[in-house]
PDB file of N, CA and C in Angstrom:
ATOM      1  N   MET A   1     146.053 -36.965  89.864  1.00  0.00           N
ATOM      2  CA  MET A   1     147.202 -36.732  89.413  1.00  0.00           C
ATOM      3  C   MET A   1     148.089 -36.379  89.541  1.00  0.00           C
ATOM      4  N   ALA A   2     148.197 -35.604  90.583  1.00  0.00           N
ATOM      5  CA  ALA A   2     149.162 -34.664  91.261  1.00  0.00           C
ATOM      6  C   ALA A   2     150.286 -36.077  91.647  1.00  0.00           C
ATOM      7  N   ASP A   3     149.991 -37.457  91.577  1.00  0.00           N
ATOM      8  CA  ASP A   3     151.558 -37.991  91.955  1.00  0.00           C
ATOM      9  C   ASP A   3     151.588 -38.490  90.823  1.00  0.00           C
ATOM     10  N   GLU A   4     150.893 -38.413  89.723  1.00  0.00           N
ATOM     11  CA  GLU A   4     151.960 -39.252  88.502  1.00  0.00           C
ATOM     12  C   GLU A   4     152.914 -38.167  87.949  1.00  0.00           C
ATOM     13  N   PRO A   5     154.397 -38.999  87.836  1.00  0.00           N
ATOM     14  CA  PRO A   5     154.887 -38.662  87.574  1.00  0.00           C
ATOM     15  C   PRO A   5     155.283 -37.802  86.174  1.00  0.00           C
ATOM     16  N   THR A   6     155.799 -36.903  86.020  1.00  0.00           N
ATOM     17  CA  THR A   6     155.265 -35.877  84.452  1.00  0.00           C
ATOM     18  C   THR A   6     156.623 -36.926  83.142  1.00  0.00           C
ATOM     19  N   ASN A   7     156.402 -36.539  82.210  1.00  0.00           N
ATOM     20  CA  ASN A   7     157.244 -36.771  81.384  1.00  0.00           C
ATOM     21  C   ASN A   7     158.539 -37.029  81.552  1.00  0.00           C
ATOM     22  N   GLY A   8     159.248 -35.737  81.692  1.00  0.00           N
ATOM     23  CA  GLY A   8     160.682 -35.186  82.199  1.00  0.00           C
ATOM     24  C   GLY A   8     161.202 -36.326  82.948  1.00  0.00           C
ATOM     25  N   GLU A   9     159.972 -36.370  84.266  1.00  0.00           N
ATOM     26  CA  GLU A   9     160.685 -37.005  85.362  1.00  0.00           C
ATOM     27  C   GLU A   9     161.140 -38.585  84.688  1.00  0.00           C
ATOM     28  N   LEU A  10     160.282 -39.049  84.196  1.00  0.00           N
ATOM     29  CA  LEU A  10     159.898 -40.691  83.833  1.00  0.00           C
ATOM     30  C   LEU A  10     161.142 -40.609  82.838  1.00  0.00           C
ATOM     31  N   TRP A  11     161.088 -39.144  81.983  1.00  0.00           N
ATOM     32  CA  TRP A  11     162.748 -39.842  81.388  1.00  0.00           C
ATOM     33  C   TRP A  11     163.970 -39.852  81.664  1.00  0.00           C
ATOM     34  N   ARG A  12     164.451 -38.917  82.987  1.00  0.00           N
ATOM     35  CA  ARG A  12     164.988 -38.856  83.805  1.00  0.00           C
ATOM     36  C   ARG A  12     165.350 -40.398  84.531  1.00  0.00           C
ATOM     37  N   LEU A  13     164.662 -40.742  85.048  1.00  0.00           N
ATOM     38  CA  LEU A  13     164.704 -41.825  85.717  1.00  0.00           C
ATOM     39  C   LEU A  13     164.404 -43.171  84.308  1.00  0.00           C
ATOM     40  N   ILE A  14     163.953 -43.503  82.980  1.00  0.00           N
ATOM     41  CA  ILE A  14     165.037 -44.161  82.374  1.00  0.00           C
ATOM     42  C   ILE A  14     166.328 -43.886  82.252  1.00  0.00           C
ATOM     43  N   GLU A  15     166.207 -42.939  81.844  1.00  0.00           N
ATOM     44  CA  GLU A  15     168.340 -42.518  81.537  1.00  0.00           C
ATOM     45  C   GLU A  15     169.099 -42.780  82.911  1.00  0.00           C
ATOM     46  N   THR A  16     168.708 -42.827  84.208  1.00  0.00           N
ATOM     47  CA  THR A  16     169.179 -43.579  85.523  1.00  0.00           C
ATOM     48  C   THR A  16     169.059 -44.878  85.335  1.00  0.00           C
ATOM     49  N   MET A  17     168.329 -45.282  85.024  1.00  0.00           N
ATOM     50  CA  MET A  17     168.315 -47.252  84.701  1.00  0.00           C
ATOM     51  C   MET A  17     168.986 -47.806  83.632  1.00  0.00           C
ATOM     52  N   ARG A  18     168.938 -46.893  82.172  1.00  0.00           N
ATOM     53  CA  ARG A  18     169.845 -47.026  81.282  1.00  0.00           C
ATOM     54  C   ARG A  18     171.364 -46.987  81.674  1.00  0.00           C
ATOM     55  N   SER A  19     171.677 -45.881  82.583  1.00  0.00           N
ATOM     56  CA  SER A  19     173.296 -45.540  82.807  1.00  0.00           C
ATOM     57  C   SER A  19     173.554 -46.715  83.992  1.00  0.00           C
ATOM     58  N   ASP A  20     172.211 -47.198  84.788  1.00  0.00           N
ATOM     59  CA  ASP A  20     172.930 -48.569  86.172  1.00  0.00           C
ATOM     60  C   ASP A  20     172.808 -49.224  84.992  1.00  0.00           C
ATOM     61  N   PHE A  21     172.077 -49.985  84.329  1.00  0.00           N
ATOM     62  CA  PHE A  21     172.201 -51.485  83.128  1.00  0.00           C
ATOM     63  C   PHE A  21     173.206 -50.929  82.918  1.00  0.00           C
ATOM     64  N   ARG A  22     174.300 -49.677  81.773  1.00  0.00           N
ATOM     65  CA  ARG A  22     175.687 -50.316  81.680  1.00  0.00           C
ATOM     66  C   ARG A  22     176.676 -50.417  81.910  1.00  0.00           C
ATOM     67  N   ASP A  23     176.487 -49.454  83.498  1.00  0.00           N
ATOM     68  CA  ASP A  23     178.007 -49.664  84.342  1.00  0.00           C
ATOM     69  C   ASP A  23     177.647 -51.477  85.173  1.00  0.00           C
ATOM     70  N   ASP A  24     176.158 -51.819  85.379  1.00  0.00           N
ATOM     71  CA  ASP A  24     176.064 -53.080  85.797  1.00  0.00           C
ATOM     72  C   ASP A  24     176.501 -54.291  84.289  1.00  0.00           C
ATOM     73  N   MET A  25     176.340 -53.874  83.085  1.00  0.00           N
ATOM     74  CA  MET A  25     177.183 -54.659  82.169  1.00  0.00           C
ATOM     75  C   MET A  25     178.511 -54.906  82.018  1.00  0.00           C
ATOM     76  N   GLY A  26     179.173 -53.715  82.256  1.00  0.00           N
ATOM     77  CA  GLY A  26     180.534 -53.454  82.371  1.00  0.00           C
ATOM     78  C   GLY A  26     181.566 -54.214  83.220  1.00  0.00           C
ATOM     79  N   GLN A  27     180.582 -53.899  84.554  1.00  0.00           N
ATOM     80  CA  GLN A  27     180.959 -54.363  85.685  1.00  0.00           C
ATOM     81  C   GLN A  27     181.056 -56.278  84.671  1.00  0.00           C
ATOM     82  N   LEU A  28     179.589 -56.902  84.383  1.00  0.00           N
ATOM     83  CA  LEU A  28     180.285 -57.737  84.444  1.00  0.00           C
ATOM     84  C   LEU A  28     181.210 -58.772  83.333  1.00  0.00           C
ATOM     85  N   HIS A  29     181.219 -57.659  82.307  1.00  0.00           N
ATOM     86  CA  HIS A  29     182.507 -57.859  80.972  1.00  0.00           C
ATOM     87  C   HIS A  29     183.570 -57.889  81.775  1.00  0.00           C
ATOM     88  N   GLY A  30     183.956 -57.002  83.006  1.00  0.00           N
ATOM     89  CA  GLY A  30     185.235 -57.212  83.362  1.00  0.00           C
ATOM     90  C   GLY A  30     185.063 -58.318  84.278  1.00  0.00           C
ATOM     91  N   GLN A  31     184.196 -58.880  84.801  1.00  0.00           N
ATOM     92  CA  GLN A  31     184.422 -59.876  85.786  1.00  0.00           C
ATOM     93  C   GLN A  31     184.353 -61.424  85.005  1.00  0.00           C
ATOM     94  N   LEU A  32     183.755 -60.867  83.556  1.00  0.00           N
ATOM     95  CA  LEU A  32     183.669 -62.212  82.345  1.00  0.00           C
ATOM     96  C   LEU A  32     185.610 -62.851  81.844  1.00  0.00           C
ATOM     97  N   GLY A  33     185.926 -60.979  81.892  1.00  0.00           N
ATOM     98  CA  GLY A  33     186.945 -61.104  81.503  1.00  0.00           C
ATOM     99  C   GLY A  33     188.493 -62.101  81.802  1.00  0.00           C
ATOM    100  N   ARG A  34     188.072 -61.904  83.291  1.00  0.00           N
ATOM    101  CA  ARG A  34     189.016 -62.674  84.142  1.00  0.00           C
ATOM    102  C   ARG A  34     188.959 -64.055  84.254  1.00  0.00           C
ATOM    103  N   LEU A  35     187.527 -64.338  83.611  1.00  0.00           N
ATOM    104  CA  LEU A  35     187.101 -66.202  83.951  1.00  0.00           C
ATOM    105  C   LEU A  35     187.848 -67.271  82.682  1.00  0.00           C
ATOM    106  N   VAL A  36     188.395 -68.336  83.463  1.00  0.00           N
ATOM    107  CA  VAL A  36     188.859 -68.856  82.711  1.00  0.00           C
ATOM    108  C   VAL A  36     188.184 -69.909  81.738  1.00  0.00           C
ATOM    109  N   SER A  37     188.086 -69.931  80.173  1.00  0.00           N
ATOM    110  CA  SER A  37     187.349 -70.771  79.417  1.00  0.00           C
ATOM    111  C   SER A  37     187.256 -72.680  79.997  1.00  0.00           C
ATOM    112  N   ALA A  38     186.204 -72.808  79.676  1.00  0.00           N
ATOM    113  CA  ALA A  38     186.152 -74.424  80.396  1.00  0.00           C
ATOM    114  C   ALA A  38     187.109 -75.233  79.217  1.00  0.00           C
ATOM    115  N   ASP A  39     187.893 -74.912  78.371  1.00  0.00           N
ATOM    116  CA  ASP A  39     188.469 -75.784  77.701  1.00  0.00           C
ATOM    117  C   ASP A  39     189.484 -76.012  78.586  1.00  0.00           C
ATOM    118  N   VAL A  40     190.177 -74.608  78.274  1.00  0.00           N
ATOM    119  CA  VAL A  40     191.890 -74.155  79.282  1.00  0.00           C
ATOM    120  C   VAL A  40     191.832 -74.981  80.557  1.00  0.00           C
ATOM    121  N   TYR A  41     190.616 -74.415  81.325  1.00  0.00           N
ATOM    122  CA  TYR A  41     190.561 -75.400  82.777  1.00  0.00           C
ATOM    123  C   TYR A  41     190.757 -76.828  82.931  1.00  0.00           C
ATOM    124  N   ALA A  42     189.968 -77.303  81.285  1.00  0.00           N
ATOM    125  CA  ALA A  42     190.595 -78.500  81.435  1.00  0.00           C
ATOM    126  C   ALA A  42     191.863 -79.661  80.842  1.00  0.00           C
ATOM    127  N   VAL A  43     192.227 -78.803  80.422  1.00  0.00           N
ATOM    128  CA  VAL A  43     193.933 -78.890  79.864  1.00  0.00           C
ATOM    129  C   VAL A  43     194.597 -78.412  80.894  1.00  0.00           C
ATOM    130  N   GLU A  44     194.575 -77.537  81.677  1.00  0.00           N
ATOM    131  CA  GLU A  44     195.387 -77.265  82.753  1.00  0.00           C
ATOM    132  C   GLU A  44     194.753 -78.098  83.899  1.00  0.00           C
ATOM    133  N   LYS A  45     194.169 -78.841  84.260  1.00  0.00           N
ATOM    134  CA  LYS A  45     193.510 -80.054  85.417  1.00  0.00           C
ATOM    135  C   LYS A  45     194.198 -80.917  84.595  1.00  0.00           C
ATOM    136  N   ALA A  46     194.025 -81.701  83.605  1.00  0.00           N
ATOM    137  CA  ALA A  46     194.730 -82.305  83.017  1.00  0.00           C
ATOM    138  C   ALA A  46     196.722 -82.374  82.426  1.00  0.00           C
ATOM    139  N   ALA A  47     197.216 -81.201  82.771  1.00  0.00           N
ATOM    140  CA  ALA A  47     198.503 -81.014  82.693  1.00  0.00           C
ATOM    141  C   ALA A  47     198.753 -81.154  84.613  1.00  0.00           C
ATOM    142  N   MET A  48     198.208 -80.991  85.048  1.00  0.00           N
ATOM    143  CA  MET A  48     197.806 -80.886  86.706  1.00  0.00           C
ATOM    144  C   MET A  48     198.223 -82.346  87.322  1.00  0.00           C
ATOM    145  N   ALA A  49     197.372 -82.905  86.937  1.00  0.00           N
ATOM    146  CA  ALA A  49     197.305 -84.382  87.161  1.00  0.00           C
ATOM    147  C   ALA A  49     198.056 -85.136  86.873  1.00  0.00           C
ATOM    148  N   LYS A  50     198.745 -84.629  85.243  1.00  0.00           N
ATOM    149  CA  LYS A  50     199.865 -85.614  84.905  1.00  0.00           C
ATOM    150  C   LYS A  50     201.754 -85.252  86.069  1.00  0.00           C
ATOM    151  N   ASP A  51     201.291 -83.840  86.373  1.00  0.00           N
ATOM    152  CA  ASP A  51     202.445 -83.304  86.517  1.00  0.00           C
ATOM    153  C   ASP A  51     202.125 -84.322  88.764  1.00  0.00           C
ATOM    154  N   ILE A  52     201.442 -84.453  88.965  1.00  0.00           N
ATOM    155  CA  ILE A  52     200.787 -85.060  90.098  1.00  0.00           C
ATOM    156  C   ILE A  52     201.594 -86.804  90.325  1.00  0.00           C
ATOM    157  N   ALA A  53     201.084 -86.914  88.706  1.00  0.00           N
ATOM    158  CA  ALA A  53     201.203 -88.640  88.234  1.00  0.00           C
ATOM    159  C   ALA A  53     202.934 -88.690  88.545  1.00  0.00           C
ATOM    160  N   ASP A  54     203.745 -87.909  87.682  1.00  0.00           N
ATOM    161  CA  ASP A  54     204.955 -88.012  87.486  1.00  0.00           C
ATOM    162  C   ASP A  54     205.557 -87.870  88.953  1.00  0.00           C
ATOM    163  N   ILE A  55     205.560 -86.773  89.904  1.00  0.00           N
ATOM    164  CA  ILE A  55     206.073 -86.719  90.775  1.00  0.00           C
ATOM    165  C   ILE A  55     205.851 -87.791  91.663  1.00  0.00           C
ATOM    166  N   VAL A  56     204.269 -88.409  91.741  1.00  0.00           N
ATOM    167  CA  VAL A  56     203.988 -89.842  92.638  1.00  0.00           C
ATOM    168  C   VAL A  56     205.134 -90.969  91.703  1.00  0.00           C
ATOM    169  N   LYS A  57     205.501 -90.664  90.636  1.00  0.00           N
ATOM    170  CA  LYS A  57     206.185 -91.868  90.064  1.00  0.00           C
ATOM    171  C   LYS A  57     207.798 -91.819  90.663  1.00  0.00           C
ATOM    172  N   ALA A  58     208.560 -90.388  90.377  1.00  0.00           N
ATOM    173  CA  ALA A  58     209.843 -90.346  91.198  1.00  0.00           C
ATOM    174  C   ALA A  58     209.663 -90.375  92.671  1.00  0.00           C
ATOM    175  N   VAL A  59     208.666 -90.225  93.202  1.00  0.00           N
ATOM    176  CA  VAL A  59     208.960 -90.477  94.749  1.00  0.00           C
ATOM    177  C   VAL A  59     208.502 -92.267  94.995  1.00  0.00           C
ATOM    178  N   GLU A  60     207.883 -93.068  94.266  1.00  0.00           N
ATOM    179  CA  GLU A  60     208.295 -94.305  94.119  1.00  0.00           C
ATOM    180  C   GLU A  60     209.493 -95.113  93.750  1.00  0.00           C
ATOM    181  N   ALA A  61     209.976 -94.162  92.312  1.00  0.00           N
ATOM    182  CA  ALA A  61     211.513 -94.651  92.525  1.00  0.00           C
ATOM    183  C   ALA A  61     212.461 -94.363  93.282  1.00  0.00           C
ATOM    184  N   MET A  62     212.214 -93.399  94.048  1.00  0.00           N
ATOM    185  CA  MET A  62     213.535 -92.708  94.708  1.00  0.00           C
ATOM    186  C   MET A  62     213.021 -93.998  95.971  1.00  0.00           C
ATOM    187  N   GLN A  63     212.103 -94.487  96.289  1.00  0.00           N
ATOM    188  CA  GLN A  63     211.640 -95.051  97.748  1.00  0.00           C
ATOM    189  C   GLN A  63     212.230 -96.574  97.203  1.00  0.00           C
ATOM    190  N   ALA A  64     212.245 -97.298  96.229  1.00  0.00           N
ATOM    191  CA  ALA A  64     212.944 -98.198  95.947  1.00  0.00           C
ATOM    192  C   ALA A  64     214.050 -98.094  95.794  1.00  0.00           C
ATOM    193  N   GLN A  65     214.657 -97.542  95.521  1.00  0.00           N
ATOM    194  CA  GLN A  65     216.236 -97.453  94.792  1.00  0.00           C
ATOM    195  C   GLN A  65     216.152 -97.183  96.484  1.00  0.00           C
ATOM    196  N   ARG A  66     215.901 -96.306  97.510  1.00  0.00           N
ATOM    197  CA  ARG A  66     216.447 -96.072  99.339  1.00  0.00           C
ATOM    198  C   ARG A  66     216.374 -97.797  99.694  1.00  0.00           C
ATOM    199  N   THR A  67     215.626 -98.536  98.714  1.00  0.00           N
ATOM    200  CA  THR A  67     215.004 -99.928  99.333  1.00  0.00           C
ATOM    201  C   THR A  67     216.551-100.759  99.039  1.00  0.00           C
ATOM    202  N   ALA A  68     217.059-100.365  98.038  1.00  0.00           N
ATOM    203  CA  ALA A  68     217.596-101.218  97.320  1.00  0.00           C
ATOM    204  C   ALA A  68     219.098-100.609  97.716  1.00  0.00           C
ATOM    205  N   ASP A  69     219.548 -99.579  98.000  1.00  0.00           N
ATOM    206  CA  ASP A  69     220.055 -99.209  98.973  1.00  0.00           C
ATOM    207  C   ASP A  69     220.708 -99.778 100.230  1.00  0.00           C
ATOM    208  N   VAL A  70     219.800 -99.770 101.060  1.00  0.00           N
ATOM    209  CA  VAL A  70     219.422-100.634 102.569  1.00  0.00           C
ATOM    210  C   VAL A  70     219.925-102.227 102.207  1.00  0.00           C
ATOM    211  N   ASP A  71     219.396-102.686 101.476  1.00  0.00           N
ATOM    212  CA  ASP A  71     219.087-104.170 100.561  1.00  0.00           C
ATOM    213  C   ASP A  71     220.951-104.158 100.817  1.00  0.00           C
ATOM    214  N   ARG A  72     221.557-103.664  99.552  1.00  0.00           N
ATOM    215  CA  ARG A  72     222.988-103.647  99.434  1.00  0.00           C
ATOM    216  C   ARG A  72     223.972-103.601 100.552  1.00  0.00           C
ATOM    217  N   ILE A  73     223.409-102.309 101.683  1.00  0.00           N
ATOM    218  CA  ILE A  73     224.373-102.229 102.973  1.00  0.00           C
ATOM    219  C   ILE A  73     224.379-103.387 103.577  1.00  0.00           C
ATOM    220  N   THR A  74     223.189-103.385 104.104  1.00  0.00           N
ATOM    221  CA  THR A  74     222.989-104.890 104.766  1.00  0.00           C
ATOM    222  C   THR A  74     223.869-105.766 104.148  1.00  0.00           C
ATOM    223  N   GLN A  75     223.821-106.551 103.041  1.00  0.00           N
ATOM    224  CA  GLN A  75     224.485-107.810 102.307  1.00  0.00           C
ATOM    225  C   GLN A  75     225.687-107.276 101.944  1.00  0.00           C
ATOM    226  N   THR A  76     226.323-106.321 102.726  1.00  0.00           N
ATOM    227  CA  THR A  76     227.788-105.719 102.061  1.00  0.00           C
ATOM    228  C   THR A  76     227.864-105.977 103.616  1.00  0.00           C
ATOM    229  N   ARG A  77     226.963-105.628 104.753  1.00  0.00           N
ATOM    230  CA  ARG A  77     227.472-106.208 106.408  1.00  0.00           C
ATOM    231  C   ARG A  77     228.225-107.485 106.478  1.00  0.00           C
ATOM    232  N   ARG A  78     226.835-108.022 105.702  1.00  0.00           N
ATOM    233  CA  ARG A  78     226.719-109.610 106.174  1.00  0.00           C
ATOM    234  C   ARG A  78     228.203-110.347 105.806  1.00  0.00           C
ATOM    235  N   TRP A  79     228.608-109.717 104.044  1.00  0.00           N
ATOM    236  CA  TRP A  79     229.609-110.162 103.488  1.00  0.00           C
ATOM    237  C   TRP A  79     230.759-109.657 104.542  1.00  0.00           C
ATOM    238  N   LEU A  80     231.047-108.927 104.957  1.00  0.00           N
ATOM    239  CA  LEU A  80     232.332-108.347 105.348  1.00  0.00           C
ATOM    240  C   LEU A  80     232.196-109.513 106.847  1.00  0.00           C
ATOM    241  N   LEU A  81     231.178-109.635 107.630  1.00  0.00           N
ATOM    242  CA  LEU A  81     231.507-110.593 108.634  1.00  0.00           C
ATOM    243  C   LEU A  81     231.478-111.457 108.597  1.00  0.00           C
ATOM    244  N   ALA A  82     230.872-112.645 107.693  1.00  0.00           N
ATOM    245  CA  ALA A  82     231.034-113.572 107.239  1.00  0.00           C
ATOM    246  C   ALA A  82     233.207-114.297 106.642  1.00  0.00           C
ATOM    247  N   SER A  83     232.940-113.265 105.830  1.00  0.00           N
ATOM    248  CA  SER A  83     233.960-113.219 104.969  1.00  0.00           C
ATOM    249  C   SER A  83     236.011-112.774 105.521  1.00  0.00           C
ATOM    250  N   VAL A  84     235.564-111.801 106.566  1.00  0.00           N
ATOM    251  CA  VAL A  84     236.429-111.278 107.201  1.00  0.00           C
ATOM    252  C   VAL A  84     236.758-111.136 108.265  1.00  0.00           C
ATOM    253  N   ILE A  85     235.910-110.712 108.960  1.00  0.00           N
ATOM    254  CA  ILE A  85     235.824-110.802 110.454  1.00  0.00           C
ATOM    255  C   ILE A  85     235.581-112.093 111.163  1.00  0.00           C
ATOM    256  N   VAL A  86     234.879-112.701 110.891  1.00  0.00           N
ATOM    257  CA  VAL A  86     234.997-114.431 111.302  1.00  0.00           C
ATOM    258  C   VAL A  86     236.035-115.390 111.193  1.00  0.00           C
ATOM    259  N   PRO A  87     236.491-115.378 109.896  1.00  0.00           N
ATOM    260  CA  PRO A  87     238.098-116.139 109.631  1.00  0.00           C
ATOM    261  C   PRO A  87     238.808-115.261 110.423  1.00  0.00           C
ATOM    262  N   MET A  88     239.264-113.714 110.645  1.00  0.00           N
ATOM    263  CA  MET A  88     240.344-113.560 111.208  1.00  0.00           C
ATOM    264  C   MET A  88     240.113-114.254 113.062  1.00  0.00           C
ATOM    265  N   LEU A  89     238.990-113.748 113.598  1.00  0.00           N
ATOM    266  CA  LEU A  89     238.969-114.225 114.674  1.00  0.00           C
ATOM    267  C   LEU A  89     238.929-115.839 114.966  1.00  0.00           C
ATOM    268  N   GLY A  90     239.126-116.797 114.019  1.00  0.00           N
ATOM    269  CA  GLY A  90     239.238-117.869 113.869  1.00  0.00           C
ATOM    270  C   GLY A  90     240.929-118.230 113.750  1.00  0.00           C
ATOM    271  N   LEU A  91     241.048-117.285 113.208  1.00  0.00           N
ATOM    272  CA  LEU A  91     243.080-117.182 113.521  1.00  0.00           C
ATOM    273  C   LEU A  91     243.851-117.032 114.667  1.00  0.00           C
ATOM    274  N   VAL A  92     242.565-115.856 115.437  1.00  0.00           N
ATOM    275  CA  VAL A  92     243.570-114.706 116.347  1.00  0.00           C
ATOM    276  C   VAL A  92     242.989-115.165 117.534  1.00  0.00           C
ATOM    277  N   LEU A  93     242.063-116.304 117.679  1.00  0.00           N
ATOM    278  CA  LEU A  93     241.327-116.558 118.841  1.00  0.00           C
ATOM    279  C   LEU A  93     242.199-118.399 119.600  1.00  0.00           C
ATOM    280  N   PRO A  94     243.058-118.955 118.143  1.00  0.00           N
ATOM    281  CA  PRO A  94     243.493-119.793 119.147  1.00  0.00           C
ATOM    282  C   PRO A  94     244.851-119.419 119.610  1.00  0.00           C
ATOM    283  N   VAL A  95     245.412-118.699 118.858  1.00  0.00           N
ATOM    284  CA  VAL A  95     246.518-118.203 119.233  1.00  0.00           C
ATOM    285  C   VAL A  95     246.534-117.002 120.910  1.00  0.00           C
ATOM    286  N   VAL A  96     245.212-116.525 120.950  1.00  0.00           N
ATOM    287  CA  VAL A  96     245.094-115.800 122.508  1.00  0.00           C
ATOM    288  C   VAL A  96     244.380-117.216 123.068  1.00  0.00           C
ATOM    289  N   LEU A  97     244.068-117.721 122.771  1.00  0.00           N
ATOM    290  CA  LEU A  97     243.776-119.123 123.768  1.00  0.00           C
ATOM    291  C   LEU A  97     245.392-119.934 124.589  1.00  0.00           C
ATOM    292  N   PHE A  98     246.294-120.193 123.501  1.00  0.00           N
ATOM    293  CA  PHE A  98     247.034-120.444 123.674  1.00  0.00           C
ATOM    294  C   PHE A  98     248.419-119.983 124.475  1.00  0.00           C
ATOM    295  N   MET A  99     248.253-118.981 124.065  1.00  0.00           N
ATOM    296  CA  MET A  99     249.322-117.611 124.610  1.00  0.00           C
ATOM    297  C   MET A  99     248.058-117.402 125.894  1.00  0.00           C
ATOM    298  N   ALA A 100     247.257-117.753 126.713  1.00  0.00           N
ATOM    299  CA  ALA A 100     246.921-117.860 127.699  1.00  0.00           C
ATOM    300  C   ALA A 100     246.981-119.145 128.362  1.00  0.00           C
ATOM    301  N   GLY A 101     246.536-120.050 127.907  1.00  0.00           N
ATOM    302  CA  GLY A 101     246.523-121.235 128.290  1.00  0.00           C
ATOM    303  C   GLY A 101     248.149-121.713 128.789  1.00  0.00           C
ATOM    304  N   GLY A 102     249.743-121.198 127.988  1.00  0.00           N
ATOM    305  CA  GLY A 102     251.039-121.516 128.572  1.00  0.00           C
ATOM    306  C   GLY A 102     250.789-120.875 129.197  1.00  0.00           C
ATOM    307  N   LYS A 103     250.611-119.535 130.174  1.00  0.00           N
ATOM    308  CA  LYS A 103     251.120-118.950 131.119  1.00  0.00           C
ATOM    309  C   LYS A 103     250.399-119.680 132.393  1.00  0.00           C
ATOM    310  N   ALA A 104     249.419-120.198 132.172  1.00  0.00           N
ATOM    311  CA  ALA A 104     248.561-120.252 133.363  1.00  0.00           C
ATOM    312  C   ALA A 104     249.035-121.667 134.199  1.00  0.00           C
TER     313      ALA A 104
END
């Protein structure tokens, strides 16, 4: 019987446990206040997925525009070569050959 706690000691232990329990519940409440609900998380995740899809579409459009620009530049070079440079060579080359042949 000498090892058994007195009523006062039991009361103090119970009060200490209750205080610890209140502190723990307060910490849990504080942590729960920082959490995001599942509905908000789902909405934010869907919005992020939509944003990523929009960015992917924009990048694909830019790549398509780049390809179109490269094709347009290539076609312009081909047109320039076929319609301007080759005919000029056709006109200038006989004159150069005539002048070179006349001196020899």
